[in-house]
Amino acid sequence: MPDVDHATRAMLESLYARFNARDIDAVLERLTDDVDWPNGWEGGYLRGREEVRAYWTRQWAEIDGTVTPQAFSTEPDGRIDVTVHQRVKDRDGVLLSGSTVHHVYRLHGERIAHMEIRT
């Protein structure tokens, strides 16, 4: 798979850093108004920035997840595949899980229109 262009990679790396810092507004700003976002915690998909905001607010009240990008590639259809190391801790800091997953993004211009999680 071809490499991801520098600007797209830098934008995604910044978003992961902002997510891990819990800067929700900075991340939501990079999503389309009608983004399709996976609910990796409860299942299903969310539609739109406000549903994503509500989901992350609930999630962060219960668990502490961090995602660290490890590799970036472009799929034949133009979607961006980011290999990430994901760690989830409970509110007391006890590690619940650590795994490598793929976040696959479809962009619309410089905004994320759809995200998929692949194990």
Foldseek 3Di string as FASTA:
>chain_A
DAADDPVLVVLVQVLLVCVLVVVLVVNLVQAPQFAWEALPPPGDTDTGSVRVVVSVVVVVVFKRKHKHWDGWDADPVGKIKTWIWMWIGTPVRHTPDTDIWIWIFDHDVRHTRYIDIGD
